[in-house]
Amino acid sequence: MIVMVPRRAAIGFAAALFASQASIEARAEDASPWQKDGHSAVRLLAGSRSGAVLLGGIAFQLQVGWKTYWRTPGDSGVPPRFDFSKSENIEAVTVLWPAPTKFDDGGSGHSLGYHNEIVLPLRIVAKNPDKPVTLRANINYAVCENICIPVDASAELSFNSVASTEDSALFAALDAVPKPANVGDPNPLTIRDIEREGTSTVLVDVVTPDARDVNLFVEGPSPDWSLPIPKLVEHGPPGVKRFSFQLEGLPPGANPSGAALKFTLVGSDHSYEFNINLE
């Protein structure tokens, strides 16, 4: 039996199909294909193109139970590494890092990183905003469950869309990046004070709006500093949560006095980043 479709309905169906295909093609142009390995996948995202500064992203998907690492992995782990040197018409790329999660490393320590899925925003500066921009990335990272597996991936993506389909995901990732703050700021979650106790101990007093979990992480002025994760002090001063860490893991000959340290304070709803010079 032959079923006759009215011409108007056929035209409507064809238009809807064309619109659907156009949407799929537009979405495909805003994200590179997933580069998959056995336990994870990675791809690039392109935000809307406007001016010389562009917003992009590196998206990771991880199998349940697997994780990857923050820029500072904690007591164990491997931080991701990115090479954008083969990109076209790009002056600089800055990787922005959403606040990490602290988890057991399977030994006696803790690691810092991400589960399930994460988007690392990219701030991209074009050499010439009037010319095409192509981002090429070599991405080296590790995924871990009980053991860690290194992954090497390469991805390429051009920035073409006036209104990208990935804008909402990129802005959500950008919102998860810790906001700049200063010690003593009147935020509900903040660092009130930082002081040294003796020559090797640093005390950090944190104000938090409630008793929910709050974590504090510290980084040195260069990657060869391996400072420990600050620990919560039991029975600290009233009205604050006191964290403590030792000035350990410094490179040979380094003097902690005056060193530029970066503190990342992560609460249940907000996170902040503090840059200080240690007294």
C-alpha atoms as a PDB file:
ATOM      1  CA  MET A   1       0.000   0.000   0.000  1.00  0.00           C
ATOM      2  CA  ILE A   2       1.294   3.451  -0.906  1.00  0.00           C
ATOM      3  CA  VAL A   3       0.629   6.226   1.610  1.00  0.00           C
ATOM      4  CA  MET A   4       0.296   9.672   0.095  1.00  0.00           C
ATOM      5  CA  VAL A   5       1.726  12.578   2.126  1.00  0.00           C
ATOM      6  CA  PRO A   6       0.219  15.998   1.428  1.00  0.00           C
ATOM      7  CA  ARG A   7       2.663  18.341  -0.252  1.00  0.00           C
ATOM      8  CA  ARG A   8       2.400  20.953   2.519  1.00  0.00           C
ATOM      9  CA  ALA A   9       3.152  18.359   5.185  1.00  0.00           C
ATOM     10  CA  ALA A  10       6.075  17.049   3.143  1.00  0.00           C
ATOM     11  CA  ILE A  11       7.509  20.550   2.841  1.00  0.00           C
ATOM     12  CA  GLY A  12       7.059  21.079   6.567  1.00  0.00           C
ATOM     13  CA  PHE A  13       8.785  17.789   7.347  1.00  0.00           C
ATOM     14  CA  ALA A  14      11.668  18.643   5.024  1.00  0.00           C
ATOM     15  CA  ALA A  15      12.061  22.067   6.635  1.00  0.00           C
ATOM     16  CA  ALA A  16      12.084  20.538  10.123  1.00  0.00           C
ATOM     17  CA  LEU A  17      14.626  17.939   9.009  1.00  0.00           C
ATOM     18  CA  PHE A  18      16.824  20.625   7.482  1.00  0.00           C
ATOM     19  CA  ALA A  19      16.598  22.732  10.646  1.00  0.00           C
ATOM     20  CA  SER A  20      17.492  19.698  12.761  1.00  0.00           C
ATOM     21  CA  GLN A  21      20.472  18.879  10.566  1.00  0.00           C
ATOM     22  CA  ALA A  22      21.588  22.518  10.643  1.00  0.00           C
ATOM     23  CA  SER A  23      21.386  22.491  14.444  1.00  0.00           C
ATOM     24  CA  ILE A  24      23.455  19.298  14.616  1.00  0.00           C
ATOM     25  CA  GLU A  25      26.031  20.757  12.242  1.00  0.00           C
ATOM     26  CA  ALA A  26      26.197  23.995  14.227  1.00  0.00           C
ATOM     27  CA  ARG A  27      26.651  22.030  17.458  1.00  0.00           C
ATOM     28  CA  ALA A  28      29.360  19.928  15.807  1.00  0.00           C
ATOM     29  CA  GLU A  29      31.207  23.113  14.822  1.00  0.00           C
ATOM     30  CA  ASP A  30      31.223  24.308  18.445  1.00  0.00           C
ATOM     31  CA  ALA A  31      32.862  21.137  19.807  1.00  0.00           C
ATOM     32  CA  SER A  32      35.552  18.836  18.479  1.00  0.00           C
ATOM     33  CA  PRO A  33      34.894  15.069  18.329  1.00  0.00           C
ATOM     34  CA  TRP A  34      35.401  13.175  21.572  1.00  0.00           C
ATOM     35  CA  GLN A  35      38.863  11.627  21.846  1.00  0.00           C
ATOM     36  CA  LYS A  36      38.199   8.435  23.787  1.00  0.00           C
ATOM     37  CA  ASP A  37      40.329   5.982  25.695  1.00  0.00           C
ATOM     38  CA  GLY A  38      39.240   3.077  27.869  1.00  0.00           C
ATOM     39  CA  HIS A  39      38.052   5.137  30.857  1.00  0.00           C
ATOM     40  CA  SER A  40      37.682   8.754  29.721  1.00  0.00           C
ATOM     41  CA  ALA A  41      37.073  11.097  26.817  1.00  0.00           C
ATOM     42  CA  VAL A  42      38.184  14.657  26.075  1.00  0.00           C
ATOM     43  CA  ARG A  43      37.253  17.322  23.536  1.00  0.00           C
ATOM     44  CA  LEU A  44      37.525  21.073  22.905  1.00  0.00           C
ATOM     45  CA  LEU A  45      34.641  23.557  23.144  1.00  0.00           C
ATOM     46  CA  ALA A  46      34.339  26.903  21.370  1.00  0.00           C
ATOM     47  CA  GLY A  47      32.322  29.781  22.762  1.00  0.00           C
ATOM     48  CA  SER A  48      30.758  32.618  20.817  1.00  0.00           C
ATOM     49  CA  ARG A  49      33.252  34.639  18.826  1.00  0.00           C
ATOM     50  CA  SER A  50      33.379  38.339  19.641  1.00  0.00           C
ATOM     51  CA  GLY A  51      36.506  40.485  19.642  1.00  0.00           C
ATOM     52  CA  ALA A  52      40.073  39.457  20.379  1.00  0.00           C
ATOM     53  CA  VAL A  53      39.403  37.574  23.644  1.00  0.00           C
ATOM     54  CA  LEU A  54      37.557  34.278  23.236  1.00  0.00           C
ATOM     55  CA  LEU A  55      36.139  31.764  25.694  1.00  0.00           C
ATOM     56  CA  GLY A  56      36.824  28.097  25.012  1.00  0.00           C
ATOM     57  CA  GLY A  57      37.058  24.946  27.065  1.00  0.00           C
ATOM     58  CA  ILE A  58      38.497  21.477  27.509  1.00  0.00           C
ATOM     59  CA  ALA A  59      35.759  18.993  28.439  1.00  0.00           C
ATOM     60  CA  PHE A  60      36.514  15.691  30.180  1.00  0.00           C
ATOM     61  CA  GLN A  61      34.177  12.751  30.724  1.00  0.00           C
ATOM     62  CA  LEU A  62      35.234  10.060  33.200  1.00  0.00           C
ATOM     63  CA  GLN A  63      33.825   6.620  33.890  1.00  0.00           C
ATOM     64  CA  VAL A  64      32.132   6.133  37.250  1.00  0.00           C
ATOM     65  CA  GLY A  65      34.759   5.642  39.963  1.00  0.00           C
ATOM     66  CA  TRP A  66      37.546   7.230  37.931  1.00  0.00           C
ATOM     67  CA  LYS A  67      39.089  10.649  38.474  1.00  0.00           C
ATOM     68  CA  THR A  68      41.559  13.095  37.017  1.00  0.00           C
ATOM     69  CA  TYR A  69      43.607  15.815  38.675  1.00  0.00           C
ATOM     70  CA  TRP A  70      43.686  19.531  39.426  1.00  0.00           C
ATOM     71  CA  ARG A  71      46.679  21.725  38.532  1.00  0.00           C
ATOM     72  CA  THR A  72      48.120  20.724  41.945  1.00  0.00           C
ATOM     73  CA  PRO A  73      47.277  17.044  42.511  1.00  0.00           C
ATOM     74  CA  GLY A  74      47.809  16.880  46.275  1.00  0.00           C
ATOM     75  CA  ASP A  75      49.665  14.058  48.010  1.00  0.00           C
ATOM     76  CA  SER A  76      49.695  11.958  44.828  1.00  0.00           C
ATOM     77  CA  GLY A  77      48.621  12.211  41.227  1.00  0.00           C
ATOM     78  CA  VAL A  78      49.633  13.783  37.934  1.00  0.00           C
ATOM     79  CA  PRO A  79      48.462  17.268  36.893  1.00  0.00           C
ATOM     80  CA  PRO A  80      47.203  17.694  33.317  1.00  0.00           C
ATOM     81  CA  ARG A  81      49.540  19.288  30.787  1.00  0.00           C
ATOM     82  CA  PHE A  82      48.469  21.213  27.688  1.00  0.00           C
ATOM     83  CA  ASP A  83      50.351  22.349  24.582  1.00  0.00           C
ATOM     84  CA  PHE A  84      48.619  24.907  22.347  1.00  0.00           C
ATOM     85  CA  SER A  85      51.719  25.886  20.349  1.00  0.00           C
ATOM     86  CA  LYS A  86      50.389  24.579  17.018  1.00  0.00           C
ATOM     87  CA  SER A  87      47.279  26.771  17.117  1.00  0.00           C
ATOM     88  CA  GLU A  88      46.629  29.366  14.409  1.00  0.00           C
ATOM     89  CA  ASN A  89      46.152  33.101  15.031  1.00  0.00           C
ATOM     90  CA  ILE A  90      46.350  32.671  18.806  1.00  0.00           C
ATOM     91  CA  GLU A  91      48.550  34.897  20.960  1.00  0.00           C
ATOM     92  CA  ALA A  92      47.951  33.234  24.332  1.00  0.00           C
ATOM     93  CA  VAL A  93      45.820  30.589  26.049  1.00  0.00           C
ATOM     94  CA  THR A  94      45.142  30.633  29.803  1.00  0.00           C
ATOM     95  CA  VAL A  95      43.659  27.544  31.454  1.00  0.00           C
ATOM     96  CA  LEU A  96      41.179  28.354  34.226  1.00  0.00           C
ATOM     97  CA  TRP A  97      40.508  25.762  36.925  1.00  0.00           C
ATOM     98  CA  PRO A  98      37.154  25.103  38.611  1.00  0.00           C
ATOM     99  CA  ALA A  99      37.413  24.368  42.325  1.00  0.00           C
ATOM    100  CA  PRO A 100      38.602  20.784  42.879  1.00  0.00           C
ATOM    101  CA  THR A 101      37.332  18.023  45.155  1.00  0.00           C
ATOM    102  CA  LYS A 102      39.498  16.406  47.836  1.00  0.00           C
ATOM    103  CA  PHE A 103      39.428  12.596  47.880  1.00  0.00           C
ATOM    104  CA  ASP A 104      41.379   9.714  49.411  1.00  0.00           C
ATOM    105  CA  ASP A 105      44.352   8.751  47.284  1.00  0.00           C
ATOM    106  CA  GLY A 106      44.190   5.069  48.239  1.00  0.00           C
ATOM    107  CA  GLY A 107      47.135   5.411  50.600  1.00  0.00           C
ATOM    108  CA  SER A 108      47.381   7.594  53.666  1.00  0.00           C
ATOM    109  CA  GLY A 109      46.874  10.926  51.919  1.00  0.00           C
ATOM    110  CA  HIS A 110      44.497  12.930  49.746  1.00  0.00           C
ATOM    111  CA  SER A 111      44.456  13.994  46.114  1.00  0.00           C
ATOM    112  CA  LEU A 112      42.759  16.958  44.456  1.00  0.00           C
ATOM    113  CA  GLY A 113      40.803  16.708  41.238  1.00  0.00           C
ATOM    114  CA  TYR A 114      37.552  15.900  39.510  1.00  0.00           C
ATOM    115  CA  HIS A 115      35.059  13.048  39.095  1.00  0.00           C
ATOM    116  CA  ASN A 116      32.469  12.283  36.394  1.00  0.00           C
ATOM    117  CA  GLU A 117      32.800  15.292  34.079  1.00  0.00           C
ATOM    118  CA  ILE A 118      34.490  18.659  34.134  1.00  0.00           C
ATOM    119  CA  VAL A 119      35.044  21.584  31.778  1.00  0.00           C
ATOM    120  CA  LEU A 120      38.219  23.637  32.150  1.00  0.00           C
ATOM    121  CA  PRO A 121      37.525  27.106  30.705  1.00  0.00           C
ATOM    122  CA  LEU A 122      40.110  28.631  28.374  1.00  0.00           C
ATOM    123  CA  ARG A 123      40.781  32.352  27.974  1.00  0.00           C
ATOM    124  CA  ILE A 124      42.071  32.703  24.424  1.00  0.00           C
ATOM    125  CA  VAL A 125      43.615  35.865  22.989  1.00  0.00           C
ATOM    126  CA  ALA A 126      43.639  36.095  19.197  1.00  0.00           C
ATOM    127  CA  LYS A 127      46.543  37.749  17.412  1.00  0.00           C
ATOM    128  CA  ASN A 128      44.163  39.298  14.872  1.00  0.00           C
ATOM    129  CA  PRO A 129      40.446  39.293  15.773  1.00  0.00           C
ATOM    130  CA  ASP A 130      39.491  39.725  12.114  1.00  0.00           C
ATOM    131  CA  LYS A 131      41.135  36.490  10.971  1.00  0.00           C
ATOM    132  CA  PRO A 132      40.168  32.821  11.530  1.00  0.00           C
ATOM    133  CA  VAL A 133      41.132  31.268  14.867  1.00  0.00           C
ATOM    134  CA  THR A 134      41.962  27.574  15.194  1.00  0.00           C
ATOM    135  CA  LEU A 135      42.799  26.006  18.545  1.00  0.00           C
ATOM    136  CA  ARG A 136      45.011  22.910  18.476  1.00  0.00           C
ATOM    137  CA  ALA A 137      45.750  21.154  21.740  1.00  0.00           C
ATOM    138  CA  ASN A 138      47.940  18.277  22.810  1.00  0.00           C
ATOM    139  CA  ILE A 139      46.448  17.086  26.096  1.00  0.00           C
ATOM    140  CA  ASN A 140      48.316  14.858  28.547  1.00  0.00           C
ATOM    141  CA  TYR A 141      46.460  13.757  31.661  1.00  0.00           C
ATOM    142  CA  ALA A 142      45.988  10.787  33.963  1.00  0.00           C
ATOM    143  CA  VAL A 143      42.831   8.916  34.928  1.00  0.00           C
ATOM    144  CA  CYS A 144      42.878   6.900  38.113  1.00  0.00           C
ATOM    145  CA  GLU A 145      40.767   4.359  39.952  1.00  0.00           C
ATOM    146  CA  ASN A 146      43.017   2.022  41.939  1.00  0.00           C
ATOM    147  CA  ILE A 147      45.839   2.621  39.473  1.00  0.00           C
ATOM    148  CA  CYS A 148      46.637   5.591  37.259  1.00  0.00           C
ATOM    149  CA  ILE A 149      46.658   5.407  33.465  1.00  0.00           C
ATOM    150  CA  PRO A 150      48.333   8.155  31.399  1.00  0.00           C
ATOM    151  CA  VAL A 151      46.376   9.481  28.419  1.00  0.00           C
ATOM    152  CA  ASP A 152      47.666  11.454  25.423  1.00  0.00           C
ATOM    153  CA  ALA A 153      45.104  13.131  23.177  1.00  0.00           C
ATOM    154  CA  SER A 154      45.089  15.727  20.403  1.00  0.00           C
ATOM    155  CA  ALA A 155      42.157  17.884  19.364  1.00  0.00           C
ATOM    156  CA  GLU A 156      41.491  20.747  16.955  1.00  0.00           C
ATOM    157  CA  LEU A 157      38.647  23.249  16.764  1.00  0.00           C
ATOM    158  CA  SER A 158      37.948  26.481  14.882  1.00  0.00           C
ATOM    159  CA  PHE A 159      36.057  29.399  16.409  1.00  0.00           C
ATOM    160  CA  ASN A 160      33.313  30.365  13.987  1.00  0.00           C
ATOM    161  CA  SER A 161      29.981  30.809  15.770  1.00  0.00           C
ATOM    162  CA  VAL A 162      28.500  34.205  16.515  1.00  0.00           C
ATOM    163  CA  ALA A 163      26.273  32.425  19.067  1.00  0.00           C
ATOM    164  CA  SER A 164      27.788  29.128  20.206  1.00  0.00           C
ATOM    165  CA  THR A 165      25.702  26.185  21.397  1.00  0.00           C
ATOM    166  CA  GLU A 166      28.352  25.599  24.088  1.00  0.00           C
ATOM    167  CA  ASP A 167      28.068  29.014  25.745  1.00  0.00           C
ATOM    168  CA  SER A 168      25.916  27.795  28.649  1.00  0.00           C
ATOM    169  CA  ALA A 169      28.322  24.962  29.512  1.00  0.00           C
ATOM    170  CA  LEU A 170      31.307  27.305  29.298  1.00  0.00           C
ATOM    171  CA  PHE A 171      29.724  29.995  31.484  1.00  0.00           C
ATOM    172  CA  ALA A 172      28.724  27.363  34.054  1.00  0.00           C
ATOM    173  CA  ALA A 173      32.333  26.142  34.151  1.00  0.00           C
ATOM    174  CA  LEU A 174      33.591  29.710  34.433  1.00  0.00           C
ATOM    175  CA  ASP A 175      31.255  30.297  37.378  1.00  0.00           C
ATOM    176  CA  ALA A 176      32.863  27.319  39.177  1.00  0.00           C
ATOM    177  CA  VAL A 177      36.333  28.910  38.996  1.00  0.00           C
ATOM    178  CA  PRO A 178      37.320  30.397  42.420  1.00  0.00           C
ATOM    179  CA  LYS A 179      36.841  34.159  42.534  1.00  0.00           C
ATOM    180  CA  PRO A 180      39.746  36.478  43.469  1.00  0.00           C
ATOM    181  CA  ALA A 181      39.593  37.678  47.063  1.00  0.00           C
ATOM    182  CA  ASN A 182      41.711  39.324  49.744  1.00  0.00           C
ATOM    183  CA  VAL A 183      42.383  38.245  53.305  1.00  0.00           C
ATOM    184  CA  GLY A 184      39.796  39.846  55.581  1.00  0.00           C
ATOM    185  CA  ASP A 185      37.200  40.483  52.854  1.00  0.00           C
ATOM    186  CA  PRO A 186      33.650  40.686  54.263  1.00  0.00           C
ATOM    187  CA  ASN A 187      32.439  37.642  52.312  1.00  0.00           C
ATOM    188  CA  PRO A 188      30.508  35.040  54.341  1.00  0.00           C
ATOM    189  CA  LEU A 189      33.285  32.578  53.416  1.00  0.00           C
ATOM    190  CA  THR A 190      36.737  34.110  53.704  1.00  0.00           C
ATOM    191  CA  ILE A 191      40.214  33.878  55.172  1.00  0.00           C
ATOM    192  CA  ARG A 192      40.402  36.119  58.212  1.00  0.00           C
ATOM    193  CA  ASP A 193      44.070  35.786  59.042  1.00  0.00           C
ATOM    194  CA  ILE A 194      47.309  34.002  58.071  1.00  0.00           C
ATOM    195  CA  GLU A 195      50.280  33.782  60.427  1.00  0.00           C
ATOM    196  CA  ARG A 196      53.408  31.763  61.009  1.00  0.00           C
ATOM    197  CA  GLU A 197      53.959  29.807  64.182  1.00  0.00           C
ATOM    198  CA  GLY A 198      57.666  29.292  64.662  1.00  0.00           C
ATOM    199  CA  THR A 199      59.723  28.731  61.538  1.00  0.00           C
ATOM    200  CA  SER A 200      57.864  25.864  59.888  1.00  0.00           C
ATOM    201  CA  THR A 201      54.135  26.080  60.686  1.00  0.00           C
ATOM    202  CA  VAL A 202      51.519  28.258  58.977  1.00  0.00           C
ATOM    203  CA  LEU A 203      48.100  28.860  60.564  1.00  0.00           C
ATOM    204  CA  VAL A 204      45.130  30.002  58.485  1.00  0.00           C
ATOM    205  CA  ASP A 205      41.880  31.149  60.132  1.00  0.00           C
ATOM    206  CA  VAL A 206      38.762  30.773  57.988  1.00  0.00           C
ATOM    207  CA  VAL A 207      35.317  32.241  58.534  1.00  0.00           C
ATOM    208  CA  THR A 208      32.489  30.102  57.167  1.00  0.00           C
ATOM    209  CA  PRO A 209      28.724  30.796  57.274  1.00  0.00           C
ATOM    210  CA  ASP A 210      27.827  27.395  58.691  1.00  0.00           C
ATOM    211  CA  ALA A 211      29.277  24.099  59.837  1.00  0.00           C
ATOM    212  CA  ARG A 212      29.278  22.481  56.428  1.00  0.00           C
ATOM    213  CA  ASP A 213      32.470  21.207  54.875  1.00  0.00           C
ATOM    214  CA  VAL A 214      35.092  23.703  53.817  1.00  0.00           C
ATOM    215  CA  ASN A 215      38.493  22.861  52.333  1.00  0.00           C
ATOM    216  CA  LEU A 216      41.659  24.875  52.000  1.00  0.00           C
ATOM    217  CA  PHE A 217      44.480  24.230  49.517  1.00  0.00           C
ATOM    218  CA  VAL A 218      47.824  26.002  49.165  1.00  0.00           C
ATOM    219  CA  GLU A 219      50.302  26.331  46.298  1.00  0.00           C
ATOM    220  CA  GLY A 220      53.801  27.730  46.164  1.00  0.00           C
ATOM    221  CA  PRO A 221      55.179  30.291  43.711  1.00  0.00           C
ATOM    222  CA  SER A 222      56.292  27.600  41.225  1.00  0.00           C
ATOM    223  CA  PRO A 223      55.361  23.982  40.414  1.00  0.00           C
ATOM    224  CA  ASP A 224      58.469  22.624  42.166  1.00  0.00           C
ATOM    225  CA  TRP A 225      56.982  23.634  45.509  1.00  0.00           C
ATOM    226  CA  SER A 226      55.071  20.643  46.941  1.00  0.00           C
ATOM    227  CA  LEU A 227      53.354  22.099  49.987  1.00  0.00           C
ATOM    228  CA  PRO A 228      51.090  19.723  51.940  1.00  0.00           C
ATOM    229  CA  ILE A 229      47.305  20.051  52.023  1.00  0.00           C
ATOM    230  CA  PRO A 230      46.343  22.160  55.074  1.00  0.00           C
ATOM    231  CA  LYS A 231      44.618  20.186  57.833  1.00  0.00           C
ATOM    232  CA  LEU A 232      41.766  21.345  60.027  1.00  0.00           C
ATOM    233  CA  VAL A 233      42.903  21.949  63.611  1.00  0.00           C
ATOM    234  CA  GLU A 234      40.682  20.444  66.281  1.00  0.00           C
ATOM    235  CA  HIS A 235      39.562  22.828  68.998  1.00  0.00           C
ATOM    236  CA  GLY A 236      40.618  25.943  67.121  1.00  0.00           C
ATOM    237  CA  PRO A 237      39.773  29.495  68.211  1.00  0.00           C
ATOM    238  CA  PRO A 238      36.058  30.296  68.611  1.00  0.00           C
ATOM    239  CA  GLY A 239      34.291  31.685  65.558  1.00  0.00           C
ATOM    240  CA  VAL A 240      36.771  30.365  62.987  1.00  0.00           C
ATOM    241  CA  LYS A 241      37.975  27.160  61.435  1.00  0.00           C
ATOM    242  CA  ARG A 242      41.738  26.996  61.797  1.00  0.00           C
ATOM    243  CA  PHE A 243      43.875  25.176  59.253  1.00  0.00           C
ATOM    244  CA  SER A 244      47.539  24.326  59.648  1.00  0.00           C
ATOM    245  CA  PHE A 245      50.317  23.132  57.359  1.00  0.00           C
ATOM    246  CA  GLN A 246      54.061  22.702  57.501  1.00  0.00           C
ATOM    247  CA  LEU A 247      56.490  24.492  55.225  1.00  0.00           C
ATOM    248  CA  GLU A 248      57.639  21.235  53.671  1.00  0.00           C
ATOM    249  CA  GLY A 249      58.280  20.182  50.103  1.00  0.00           C
ATOM    250  CA  LEU A 250      60.175  23.336  49.177  1.00  0.00           C
ATOM    251  CA  PRO A 251      62.822  23.155  46.449  1.00  0.00           C
ATOM    252  CA  PRO A 252      66.440  23.190  47.684  1.00  0.00           C
ATOM    253  CA  GLY A 253      67.553  26.602  48.865  1.00  0.00           C
ATOM    254  CA  ALA A 254      64.065  28.155  48.772  1.00  0.00           C
ATOM    255  CA  ASN A 255      63.274  30.722  51.460  1.00  0.00           C
ATOM    256  CA  PRO A 256      59.595  30.741  52.512  1.00  0.00           C
ATOM    257  CA  SER A 257      59.820  34.262  53.946  1.00  0.00           C
ATOM    258  CA  GLY A 258      58.160  36.592  51.468  1.00  0.00           C
ATOM    259  CA  ALA A 259      57.157  33.724  49.175  1.00  0.00           C
ATOM    260  CA  ALA A 260      54.083  34.279  46.991  1.00  0.00           C
ATOM    261  CA  LEU A 261      51.517  31.662  48.024  1.00  0.00           C
ATOM    262  CA  LYS A 262      48.128  30.959  46.497  1.00  0.00           C
ATOM    263  CA  PHE A 263      45.320  29.752  48.777  1.00  0.00           C
ATOM    264  CA  THR A 264      42.131  28.233  47.367  1.00  0.00           C
ATOM    265  CA  LEU A 265      39.204  28.197  49.783  1.00  0.00           C
ATOM    266  CA  VAL A 266      36.352  25.892  48.751  1.00  0.00           C
ATOM    267  CA  GLY A 267      32.950  25.877  50.443  1.00  0.00           C
ATOM    268  CA  SER A 268      29.739  24.101  49.580  1.00  0.00           C
ATOM    269  CA  ASP A 269      28.433  26.973  47.419  1.00  0.00           C
ATOM    270  CA  HIS A 270      31.341  29.335  46.745  1.00  0.00           C
ATOM    271  CA  SER A 271      35.095  29.252  46.307  1.00  0.00           C
ATOM    272  CA  TYR A 272      37.748  31.955  46.468  1.00  0.00           C
ATOM    273  CA  GLU A 273      41.412  32.389  45.606  1.00  0.00           C
ATOM    274  CA  PHE A 274      43.815  34.427  47.741  1.00  0.00           C
ATOM    275  CA  ASN A 275      47.318  35.514  46.702  1.00  0.00           C
ATOM    276  CA  ILE A 276      49.529  36.511  49.620  1.00  0.00           C
ATOM    277  CA  ASN A 277      53.209  36.994  50.415  1.00  0.00           C
ATOM    278  CA  LEU A 278      54.123  34.914  53.436  1.00  0.00           C
ATOM    279  CA  GLU A 279      55.574  36.956  56.274  1.00  0.00           C
END
